[in-house]
């Protein structure tokens, strides 16, 4: 069971509170986790990654074990701490401005 922390606006859109727990089939990668999120919560399709290119949206970041994994290849296996449910996969909506 993979633990996922979503930003407040995506939790509201999906109608959930707190962490989301998902089953991921096969190797646990960023792509597999996002696939599982979009499968469980279809309303989130296109909010985390572009529907056509499947690329991460520019103002969305992924954190794993306290490190920014936003620029890691989507098929890189996630650390065992995430796979075992000890650490969450964190999706953050980045802020911009000045």
PDB file of N, CA and C in Angstrom:
ATOM      1  N   UNK A   1       0.838  -1.174   0.000  1.00  0.00           N
ATOM      2  CA  UNK A   1       0.000   0.000   0.000  1.00  0.00           C
ATOM      3  C   UNK A   1       0.888   1.243   0.000  1.00  0.00           C
ATOM      4  N   UNK A   2       0.715   2.078  -0.991  1.00  0.00           N
ATOM      5  CA  UNK A   2       1.489   3.316  -1.129  1.00  0.00           C
ATOM      6  C   UNK A   2       0.699   4.450  -0.496  1.00  0.00           C
ATOM      7  N   UNK A   3       1.376   5.236   0.331  1.00  0.00           N
ATOM      8  CA  UNK A   3       0.754   6.408   0.947  1.00  0.00           C
ATOM      9  C   UNK A   3       1.063   7.626   0.071  1.00  0.00           C
ATOM     10  N   UNK A   4       0.019   8.409  -0.217  1.00  0.00           N
ATOM     11  CA  UNK A   4       0.189   9.595  -1.055  1.00  0.00           C
ATOM     12  C   UNK A   4      -0.407  10.797  -0.326  1.00  0.00           C
ATOM     13  N   UNK A   5       0.367  11.886  -0.275  1.00  0.00           N
ATOM     14  CA  UNK A   5      -0.101  13.140   0.285  1.00  0.00           C
ATOM     15  C   UNK A   5      -0.346  14.082  -0.886  1.00  0.00           C
ATOM     16  N   UNK A   6      -1.578  14.548  -1.000  1.00  0.00           N
ATOM     17  CA  UNK A   6      -1.954  15.474  -2.068  1.00  0.00           C
ATOM     18  C   UNK A   6      -2.087  16.883  -1.507  1.00  0.00           C
ATOM     19  N   UNK A   7      -1.874  17.907  -2.340  1.00  0.00           N
ATOM     20  CA  UNK A   7      -2.115  19.275  -1.869  1.00  0.00           C
ATOM     21  C   UNK A   7      -3.609  19.489  -1.620  1.00  0.00           C
ATOM     22  N   UNK A   8      -3.910  20.477  -0.792  1.00  0.00           N
ATOM     23  CA  UNK A   8      -5.290  20.725  -0.353  1.00  0.00           C
ATOM     24  C   UNK A   8      -6.279  20.853  -1.514  1.00  0.00           C
ATOM     25  N   UNK A   9      -5.894  21.583  -2.570  1.00  0.00           N
ATOM     26  CA  UNK A   9      -6.844  21.786  -3.669  1.00  0.00           C
ATOM     27  C   UNK A   9      -7.161  20.488  -4.412  1.00  0.00           C
ATOM     28  N   UNK A  10      -6.201  19.565  -4.499  1.00  0.00           N
ATOM     29  CA  UNK A  10      -6.480  18.281  -5.156  1.00  0.00           C
ATOM     30  C   UNK A  10      -7.283  17.364  -4.245  1.00  0.00           C
ATOM     31  N   UNK A  11      -7.049  17.445  -2.930  1.00  0.00           N
ATOM     32  CA  UNK A  11      -7.868  16.666  -1.993  1.00  0.00           C
ATOM     33  C   UNK A  11      -9.324  17.108  -2.077  1.00  0.00           C
ATOM     34  N   UNK A  12      -9.531  18.413  -2.153  1.00  0.00           N
ATOM     35  CA  UNK A  12     -10.890  18.938  -2.263  1.00  0.00           C
ATOM     36  C   UNK A  12     -11.542  18.454  -3.557  1.00  0.00           C
ATOM     37  N   UNK A  13     -10.821  18.532  -4.654  1.00  0.00           N
ATOM     38  CA  UNK A  13     -11.337  18.106  -5.952  1.00  0.00           C
ATOM     39  C   UNK A  13     -11.697  16.618  -5.932  1.00  0.00           C
ATOM     40  N   UNK A  14     -10.833  15.806  -5.296  1.00  0.00           N
ATOM     41  CA  UNK A  14     -11.060  14.360  -5.244  1.00  0.00           C
ATOM     42  C   UNK A  14     -12.050  13.956  -4.156  1.00  0.00           C
ATOM     43  N   UNK A  15     -12.378  14.893  -3.249  1.00  0.00           N
ATOM     44  CA  UNK A  15     -13.309  14.583  -2.174  1.00  0.00           C
ATOM     45  C   UNK A  15     -12.714  13.690  -1.097  1.00  0.00           C
ATOM     46  N   UNK A  16     -11.429  13.883  -0.809  1.00  0.00           N
ATOM     47  CA  UNK A  16     -10.752  13.081   0.217  1.00  0.00           C
ATOM     48  C   UNK A  16     -10.160  14.009   1.272  1.00  0.00           C
ATOM     49  N   UNK A  17      -9.823  13.419   2.408  1.00  0.00           N
ATOM     50  CA  UNK A  17      -9.115  14.169   3.440  1.00  0.00           C
ATOM     51  C   UNK A  17      -7.961  13.303   3.927  1.00  0.00           C
ATOM     52  N   UNK A  18      -6.911  13.938   4.357  1.00  0.00           N
ATOM     53  CA  UNK A  18      -5.745  13.179   4.818  1.00  0.00           C
ATOM     54  C   UNK A  18      -5.004  12.505   3.687  1.00  0.00           C
ATOM     55  N   UNK A  19      -4.209  11.512   4.060  1.00  0.00           N
ATOM     56  CA  UNK A  19      -3.438  10.761   3.067  1.00  0.00           C
ATOM     57  C   UNK A  19      -4.346   9.827   2.278  1.00  0.00           C
ATOM     58  N   UNK A  20      -3.930   9.539   1.064  1.00  0.00           N
ATOM     59  CA  UNK A  20      -4.609   8.569   0.212  1.00  0.00           C
ATOM     60  C   UNK A  20      -3.744   7.312   0.214  1.00  0.00           C
ATOM     61  N   UNK A  21      -4.350   6.164   0.282  1.00  0.00           N
ATOM     62  CA  UNK A  21      -3.606   4.907   0.207  1.00  0.00           C
ATOM     63  C   UNK A  21      -4.023   4.171  -1.049  1.00  0.00           C
ATOM     64  N   UNK A  22      -3.019   3.746  -1.820  1.00  0.00           N
ATOM     65  CA  UNK A  22      -3.276   3.137  -3.121  1.00  0.00           C
ATOM     66  C   UNK A  22      -2.481   1.854  -3.300  1.00  0.00           C
ATOM     67  N   UNK A  23      -3.059   0.918  -4.016  1.00  0.00           N
ATOM     68  CA  UNK A  23      -2.330  -0.267  -4.449  1.00  0.00           C
ATOM     69  C   UNK A  23      -1.703   0.052  -5.790  1.00  0.00           C
ATOM     70  N   UNK A  24      -0.435  -0.253  -5.928  1.00  0.00           N
ATOM     71  CA  UNK A  24       0.276  -0.041  -7.186  1.00  0.00           C
ATOM     72  C   UNK A  24       0.709  -1.397  -7.712  1.00  0.00           C
ATOM     73  N   UNK A  25       0.320  -1.692  -8.940  1.00  0.00           N
ATOM     74  CA  UNK A  25       0.662  -2.967  -9.558  1.00  0.00           C
ATOM     75  C   UNK A  25       1.999  -2.833 -10.277  1.00  0.00           C
ATOM     76  N   UNK A  26       2.875  -3.806 -10.075  1.00  0.00           N
ATOM     77  CA  UNK A  26       4.171  -3.796 -10.747  1.00  0.00           C
ATOM     78  C   UNK A  26       5.171  -2.927 -10.015  1.00  0.00           C
ATOM     79  N   UNK A  27       6.249  -2.556 -10.708  1.00  0.00           N
ATOM     80  CA  UNK A  27       7.277  -1.732 -10.077  1.00  0.00           C
ATOM     81  C   UNK A  27       6.686  -0.399  -9.604  1.00  0.00           C
ATOM     82  N   UNK A  28       7.085   0.035  -8.428  1.00  0.00           N
ATOM     83  CA  UNK A  28       6.570   1.289  -7.873  1.00  0.00           C
ATOM     84  C   UNK A  28       7.473   2.430  -8.345  1.00  0.00           C
ATOM     85  N   UNK A  29       6.942   3.192  -9.303  1.00  0.00           N
ATOM     86  CA  UNK A  29       7.637   4.326  -9.895  1.00  0.00           C
ATOM     87  C   UNK A  29       6.715   5.542  -9.802  1.00  0.00           C
ATOM     88  N   UNK A  30       7.246   6.728 -10.117  1.00  0.00           N
ATOM     89  CA  UNK A  30       6.388   7.910 -10.157  1.00  0.00           C
ATOM     90  C   UNK A  30       5.227   7.681 -11.127  1.00  0.00           C
ATOM     91  N   UNK A  31       5.528   7.157 -12.288  1.00  0.00           N
ATOM     92  CA  UNK A  31       4.486   6.922 -13.296  1.00  0.00           C
ATOM     93  C   UNK A  31       3.402   5.984 -12.752  1.00  0.00           C
ATOM     94  N   UNK A  32       3.813   4.901 -12.091  1.00  0.00           N
ATOM     95  CA  UNK A  32       2.854   3.935 -11.557  1.00  0.00           C
ATOM     96  C   UNK A  32       1.992   4.553 -10.459  1.00  0.00           C
ATOM     97  N   UNK A  33       2.588   5.398  -9.625  1.00  0.00           N
ATOM     98  CA  UNK A  33       1.829   6.045  -8.554  1.00  0.00           C
ATOM     99  C   UNK A  33       0.812   7.022  -9.146  1.00  0.00           C
ATOM    100  N   UNK A  34       1.234   7.830 -10.120  1.00  0.00           N
ATOM    101  CA  UNK A  34       0.309   8.781 -10.744  1.00  0.00           C
ATOM    102  C   UNK A  34      -0.783   8.031 -11.507  1.00  0.00           C
ATOM    103  N   UNK A  35      -0.423   6.933 -12.170  1.00  0.00           N
ATOM    104  CA  UNK A  35      -1.439   6.102 -12.835  1.00  0.00           C
ATOM    105  C   UNK A  35      -2.480   5.634 -11.818  1.00  0.00           C
ATOM    106  N   UNK A  36      -2.023   5.177 -10.656  1.00  0.00           N
ATOM    107  CA  UNK A  36      -2.933   4.682  -9.617  1.00  0.00           C
ATOM    108  C   UNK A  36      -3.817   5.801  -9.068  1.00  0.00           C
ATOM    109  N   UNK A  37      -3.239   6.992  -8.903  1.00  0.00           N
ATOM    110  CA  UNK A  37      -4.028   8.143  -8.431  1.00  0.00           C
ATOM    111  C   UNK A  37      -5.131   8.454  -9.436  1.00  0.00           C
ATOM    112  N   UNK A  38      -4.763   8.543 -10.712  1.00  0.00           N
ATOM    113  CA  UNK A  38      -5.745   8.894 -11.740  1.00  0.00           C
ATOM    114  C   UNK A  38      -6.792   7.801 -11.936  1.00  0.00           C
ATOM    115  N   UNK A  39      -6.418   6.560 -11.685  1.00  0.00           N
ATOM    116  CA  UNK A  39      -7.381   5.452 -11.792  1.00  0.00           C
ATOM    117  C   UNK A  39      -8.372   5.510 -10.624  1.00  0.00           C
ATOM    118  N   UNK A  40      -7.871   5.741  -9.425  1.00  0.00           N
ATOM    119  CA  UNK A  40      -8.728   5.787  -8.237  1.00  0.00           C
ATOM    120  C   UNK A  40      -9.570   7.061  -8.178  1.00  0.00           C
ATOM    121  N   UNK A  41      -9.028   8.148  -8.700  1.00  0.00           N
ATOM    122  CA  UNK A  41      -9.694   9.457  -8.660  1.00  0.00           C
ATOM    123  C   UNK A  41      -9.657  10.078 -10.055  1.00  0.00           C
ATOM    124  N   UNK A  42     -10.517   9.621 -10.958  1.00  0.00           N
ATOM    125  CA  UNK A  42     -10.497  10.103 -12.343  1.00  0.00           C
ATOM    126  C   UNK A  42     -10.610  11.618 -12.477  1.00  0.00           C
ATOM    127  N   UNK A  43     -11.253  12.271 -11.514  1.00  0.00           N
ATOM    128  CA  UNK A  43     -11.388  13.723 -11.561  1.00  0.00           C
ATOM    129  C   UNK A  43     -10.022  14.419 -11.508  1.00  0.00           C
ATOM    130  N   UNK A  44      -9.000  13.732 -11.030  1.00  0.00           N
ATOM    131  CA  UNK A  44      -7.654  14.312 -10.966  1.00  0.00           C
ATOM    132  C   UNK A  44      -6.877  14.141 -12.265  1.00  0.00           C
ATOM    133  N   UNK A  45      -7.440  13.434 -13.225  1.00  0.00           N
ATOM    134  CA  UNK A  45      -6.781  13.264 -14.520  1.00  0.00           C
ATOM    135  C   UNK A  45      -6.478  14.610 -15.154  1.00  0.00           C
ATOM    136  N   UNK A  46      -5.238  14.827 -15.502  1.00  0.00           N
ATOM    137  CA  UNK A  46      -4.819  16.072 -16.131  1.00  0.00           C
ATOM    138  C   UNK A  46      -4.417  17.165 -15.153  1.00  0.00           C
ATOM    139  N   UNK A  47      -4.586  16.928 -13.866  1.00  0.00           N
ATOM    140  CA  UNK A  47      -4.212  17.958 -12.888  1.00  0.00           C
ATOM    141  C   UNK A  47      -2.766  17.839 -12.435  1.00  0.00           C
ATOM    142  N   UNK A  48      -2.247  16.630 -12.405  1.00  0.00           N
ATOM    143  CA  UNK A  48      -0.873  16.391 -11.951  1.00  0.00           C
ATOM    144  C   UNK A  48       0.073  16.312 -13.143  1.00  0.00           C
ATOM    145  N   UNK A  49      -0.417  15.743 -14.227  1.00  0.00           N
ATOM    146  CA  UNK A  49       0.378  15.654 -15.454  1.00  0.00           C
ATOM    147  C   UNK A  49      -0.530  15.919 -16.643  1.00  0.00           C
ATOM    148  N   UNK A  50       0.083  16.342 -17.713  1.00  0.00           N
ATOM    149  CA  UNK A  50      -0.646  16.640 -18.942  1.00  0.00           C
ATOM    150  C   UNK A  50      -1.252  15.354 -19.497  1.00  0.00           C
ATOM    151  N   UNK A  51      -2.496  15.415 -19.921  1.00  0.00           N
ATOM    152  CA  UNK A  51      -3.190  14.226 -20.438  1.00  0.00           C
ATOM    153  C   UNK A  51      -2.585  13.685 -21.733  1.00  0.00           C
ATOM    154  N   UNK A  52      -2.002  14.554 -22.541  1.00  0.00           N
ATOM    155  CA  UNK A  52      -1.474  14.128 -23.836  1.00  0.00           C
ATOM    156  C   UNK A  52      -0.020  13.684 -23.714  1.00  0.00           C
ATOM    157  N   UNK A  53       0.823  14.538 -23.162  1.00  0.00           N
ATOM    158  CA  UNK A  53       2.253  14.232 -23.096  1.00  0.00           C
ATOM    159  C   UNK A  53       2.618  13.347 -21.905  1.00  0.00           C
ATOM    160  N   UNK A  54       1.724  13.293 -20.905  1.00  0.00           N
ATOM    161  CA  UNK A  54       1.957  12.544 -19.664  1.00  0.00           C
ATOM    162  C   UNK A  54       3.131  13.112 -18.857  1.00  0.00           C
ATOM    163  N   UNK A  55       3.516  14.350 -19.160  1.00  0.00           N
ATOM    164  CA  UNK A  55       4.590  15.027 -18.428  1.00  0.00           C
ATOM    165  C   UNK A  55       4.011  15.734 -17.208  1.00  0.00           C
ATOM    166  N   UNK A  56       4.805  15.798 -16.142  1.00  0.00           N
ATOM    167  CA  UNK A  56       4.420  16.493 -14.925  1.00  0.00           C
ATOM    168  C   UNK A  56       4.114  17.953 -15.234  1.00  0.00           C
ATOM    169  N   UNK A  57       3.045  18.474 -14.649  1.00  0.00           N
ATOM    170  CA  UNK A  57       2.726  19.890 -14.822  1.00  0.00           C
ATOM    171  C   UNK A  57       3.831  20.729 -14.175  1.00  0.00           C
ATOM    172  N   UNK A  58       4.126  21.882 -14.763  1.00  0.00           N
ATOM    173  CA  UNK A  58       5.251  22.708 -14.321  1.00  0.00           C
ATOM    174  C   UNK A  58       5.163  23.123 -12.863  1.00  0.00           C
ATOM    175  N   UNK A  59       3.967  23.374 -12.353  1.00  0.00           N
ATOM    176  CA  UNK A  59       3.833  23.847 -10.980  1.00  0.00           C
ATOM    177  C   UNK A  59       3.451  22.737 -10.003  1.00  0.00           C
ATOM    178  N   UNK A  60       3.818  21.513 -10.352  1.00  0.00           N
ATOM    179  CA  UNK A  60       3.618  20.372  -9.465  1.00  0.00           C
ATOM    180  C   UNK A  60       4.982  19.765  -9.194  1.00  0.00           C
ATOM    181  N   UNK A  61       5.212  19.431  -7.928  1.00  0.00           N
ATOM    182  CA  UNK A  61       6.481  18.821  -7.529  1.00  0.00           C
ATOM    183  C   UNK A  61       6.194  17.524  -6.786  1.00  0.00           C
ATOM    184  N   UNK A  62       7.138  16.581  -6.871  1.00  0.00           N
ATOM    185  CA  UNK A  62       7.035  15.304  -6.168  1.00  0.00           C
ATOM    186  C   UNK A  62       8.178  15.215  -5.170  1.00  0.00           C
ATOM    187  N   UNK A  63       7.860  14.858  -3.936  1.00  0.00           N
ATOM    188  CA  UNK A  63       8.880  14.663  -2.917  1.00  0.00           C
ATOM    189  C   UNK A  63       8.799  13.248  -2.388  1.00  0.00           C
ATOM    190  N   UNK A  64       9.974  12.640  -2.242  1.00  0.00           N
ATOM    191  CA  UNK A  64      10.103  11.276  -1.772  1.00  0.00           C
ATOM    192  C   UNK A  64      11.202  11.260  -0.713  1.00  0.00           C
ATOM    193  N   UNK A  65      10.867  10.808   0.476  1.00  0.00           N
ATOM    194  CA  UNK A  65      11.840  10.729   1.579  1.00  0.00           C
ATOM    195  C   UNK A  65      12.534  12.075   1.800  1.00  0.00           C
ATOM    196  N   UNK A  66      11.777  13.156   1.693  1.00  0.00           N
ATOM    197  CA  UNK A  66      12.308  14.490   1.937  1.00  0.00           C
ATOM    198  C   UNK A  66      13.116  15.078   0.796  1.00  0.00           C
ATOM    199  N   UNK A  67      13.189  14.394  -0.336  1.00  0.00           N
ATOM    200  CA  UNK A  67      13.968  14.881  -1.476  1.00  0.00           C
ATOM    201  C   UNK A  67      13.061  15.167  -2.665  1.00  0.00           C
ATOM    202  N   UNK A  68      13.421  16.192  -3.429  1.00  0.00           N
ATOM    203  CA  UNK A  68      12.660  16.563  -4.627  1.00  0.00           C
ATOM    204  C   UNK A  68      12.968  15.566  -5.746  1.00  0.00           C
ATOM    205  N   UNK A  69      11.943  14.826  -6.156  1.00  0.00           N
ATOM    206  CA  UNK A  69      12.077  13.843  -7.232  1.00  0.00           C
ATOM    207  C   UNK A  69      11.407  14.326  -8.508  1.00  0.00           C
ATOM    208  N   UNK A  70      11.090  15.598  -8.568  1.00  0.00           N
ATOM    209  CA  UNK A  70      10.340  16.137  -9.699  1.00  0.00           C
ATOM    210  C   UNK A  70      11.033  15.953 -11.040  1.00  0.00           C
ATOM    211  N   UNK A  71      12.345  15.948 -11.046  1.00  0.00           N
ATOM    212  CA  UNK A  71      13.081  15.857 -12.310  1.00  0.00           C
ATOM    213  C   UNK A  71      13.690  14.471 -12.544  1.00  0.00           C
ATOM    214  N   UNK A  72      13.353  13.531 -11.682  1.00  0.00           N
ATOM    215  CA  UNK A  72      13.806  12.152 -11.890  1.00  0.00           C
ATOM    216  C   UNK A  72      12.980  11.535 -13.017  1.00  0.00           C
ATOM    217  N   UNK A  73      13.559  10.622 -13.783  1.00  0.00           N
ATOM    218  CA  UNK A  73      12.769   9.943 -14.820  1.00  0.00           C
ATOM    219  C   UNK A  73      11.541   9.259 -14.207  1.00  0.00           C
ATOM    220  N   UNK A  74      10.419   9.327 -14.907  1.00  0.00           N
ATOM    221  CA  UNK A  74       9.146   8.815 -14.389  1.00  0.00           C
ATOM    222  C   UNK A  74       9.171   7.327 -14.065  1.00  0.00           C
ATOM    223  N   UNK A  75      10.071   6.574 -14.693  1.00  0.00           N
ATOM    224  CA  UNK A  75      10.115   5.133 -14.467  1.00  0.00           C
ATOM    225  C   UNK A  75      11.226   4.696 -13.521  1.00  0.00           C
ATOM    226  N   UNK A  76      11.824   5.635 -12.807  1.00  0.00           N
ATOM    227  CA  UNK A  76      12.826   5.293 -11.791  1.00  0.00           C
ATOM    228  C   UNK A  76      12.111   4.669 -10.593  1.00  0.00           C
ATOM    229  N   UNK A  77      12.552   3.497 -10.150  1.00  0.00           N
ATOM    230  CA  UNK A  77      11.901   2.879  -8.983  1.00  0.00           C
ATOM    231  C   UNK A  77      12.019   3.779  -7.748  1.00  0.00           C
ATOM    232  N   UNK A  78      10.925   3.865  -6.996  1.00  0.00           N
ATOM    233  CA  UNK A  78      10.925   4.657  -5.769  1.00  0.00           C
ATOM    234  C   UNK A  78      11.618   3.882  -4.650  1.00  0.00           C
ATOM    235  N   UNK A  79      12.139   4.579  -3.649  1.00  0.00           N
ATOM    236  CA  UNK A  79      12.842   3.908  -2.540  1.00  0.00           C
ATOM    237  C   UNK A  79      11.937   2.928  -1.781  1.00  0.00           C
ATOM    238  N   UNK A  80      12.572   1.958  -1.153  1.00  0.00           N
ATOM    239  CA  UNK A  80      11.844   0.944  -0.389  1.00  0.00           C
ATOM    240  C   UNK A  80      10.964   1.560   0.694  1.00  0.00           C
ATOM    241  N   UNK A  81      11.402   2.669   1.292  1.00  0.00           N
ATOM    242  CA  UNK A  81      10.603   3.309   2.347  1.00  0.00           C
ATOM    243  C   UNK A  81       9.221   3.707   1.838  1.00  0.00           C
ATOM    244  N   UNK A  82       9.124   4.102   0.566  1.00  0.00           N
ATOM    245  CA  UNK A  82       7.831   4.453  -0.037  1.00  0.00           C
ATOM    246  C   UNK A  82       7.078   3.180  -0.415  1.00  0.00           C
ATOM    247  N   UNK A  83       7.784   2.236  -0.996  1.00  0.00           N
ATOM    248  CA  UNK A  83       7.171   0.975  -1.426  1.00  0.00           C
ATOM    249  C   UNK A  83       6.549   0.242  -0.229  1.00  0.00           C
ATOM    250  N   UNK A  84       7.227   0.284   0.914  1.00  0.00           N
ATOM    251  CA  UNK A  84       6.751  -0.405   2.110  1.00  0.00           C
ATOM    252  C   UNK A  84       5.733   0.407   2.906  1.00  0.00           C
ATOM    253  N   UNK A  85       5.479   1.643   2.493  1.00  0.00           N
ATOM    254  CA  UNK A  85       4.509   2.480   3.182  1.00  0.00           C
ATOM    255  C   UNK A  85       5.045   3.207   4.398  1.00  0.00           C
ATOM    256  N   UNK A  86       6.370   3.173   4.589  1.00  0.00           N
ATOM    257  CA  UNK A  86       6.960   3.879   5.725  1.00  0.00           C
ATOM    258  C   UNK A  86       7.030   5.384   5.488  1.00  0.00           C
ATOM    259  N   UNK A  87       7.161   5.777   4.242  1.00  0.00           N
ATOM    260  CA  UNK A  87       7.228   7.191   3.855  1.00  0.00           C
ATOM    261  C   UNK A  87       6.207   7.437   2.750  1.00  0.00           C
ATOM    262  N   UNK A  88       5.587   8.620   2.735  1.00  0.00           N
ATOM    263  CA  UNK A  88       4.613   8.908   1.690  1.00  0.00           C
ATOM    264  C   UNK A  88       5.261   9.461   0.423  1.00  0.00           C
ATOM    265  N   UNK A  89       4.548   9.322  -0.672  1.00  0.00           N
ATOM    266  CA  UNK A  89       4.864  10.016  -1.927  1.00  0.00           C
ATOM    267  C   UNK A  89       4.087  11.321  -1.826  1.00  0.00           C
ATOM    268  N   UNK A  90       4.794  12.445  -1.866  1.00  0.00           N
ATOM    269  CA  UNK A  90       4.170  13.742  -1.619  1.00  0.00           C
ATOM    270  C   UNK A  90       4.074  14.546  -2.915  1.00  0.00           C
ATOM    271  N   UNK A  91       2.865  14.989  -3.211  1.00  0.00           N
ATOM    272  CA  UNK A  91       2.614  15.852  -4.374  1.00  0.00           C
ATOM    273  C   UNK A  91       2.386  17.253  -3.828  1.00  0.00           C
ATOM    274  N   UNK A  92       3.157  18.208  -4.338  1.00  0.00           N
ATOM    275  CA  UNK A  92       3.044  19.577  -3.864  1.00  0.00           C
ATOM    276  C   UNK A  92       2.746  20.496  -5.042  1.00  0.00           C
ATOM    277  N   UNK A  93       1.801  21.378  -4.852  1.00  0.00           N
ATOM    278  CA  UNK A  93       1.504  22.409  -5.833  1.00  0.00           C
ATOM    279  C   UNK A  93       2.431  23.580  -5.578  1.00  0.00           C
ATOM    280  N   UNK A  94       3.413  23.789  -6.438  1.00  0.00           N
ATOM    281  CA  UNK A  94       4.398  24.849  -6.241  1.00  0.00           C
ATOM    282  C   UNK A  94       3.744  26.219  -6.430  1.00  0.00           C
ATOM    283  N   UNK A  95       4.345  27.213  -5.809  1.00  0.00           N
ATOM    284  CA  UNK A  95       3.844  28.574  -5.903  1.00  0.00           C
ATOM    285  C   UNK A  95       4.823  29.395  -6.736  1.00  0.00           C
ATOM    286  N   UNK A  96       4.304  30.389  -7.432  1.00  0.00           N
ATOM    287  CA  UNK A  96       5.162  31.265  -8.217  1.00  0.00           C
ATOM    288  C   UNK A  96       4.730  32.705  -7.958  1.00  0.00           C
ATOM    289  N   UNK A  97       5.599  33.574  -8.234  1.00  0.00           N
ATOM    290  CA  UNK A  97       5.271  34.974  -8.058  1.00  0.00           C
ATOM    291  C   UNK A  97       6.474  35.750  -7.561  1.00  0.00           C
ATOM    292  N   UNK A  98       6.281  36.987  -7.333  1.00  0.00           N
ATOM    293  CA  UNK A  98       7.432  37.751  -6.886  1.00  0.00           C
ATOM    294  C   UNK A  98       7.021  38.993  -6.174  1.00  0.00           C
TER     295      UNK A  98
END
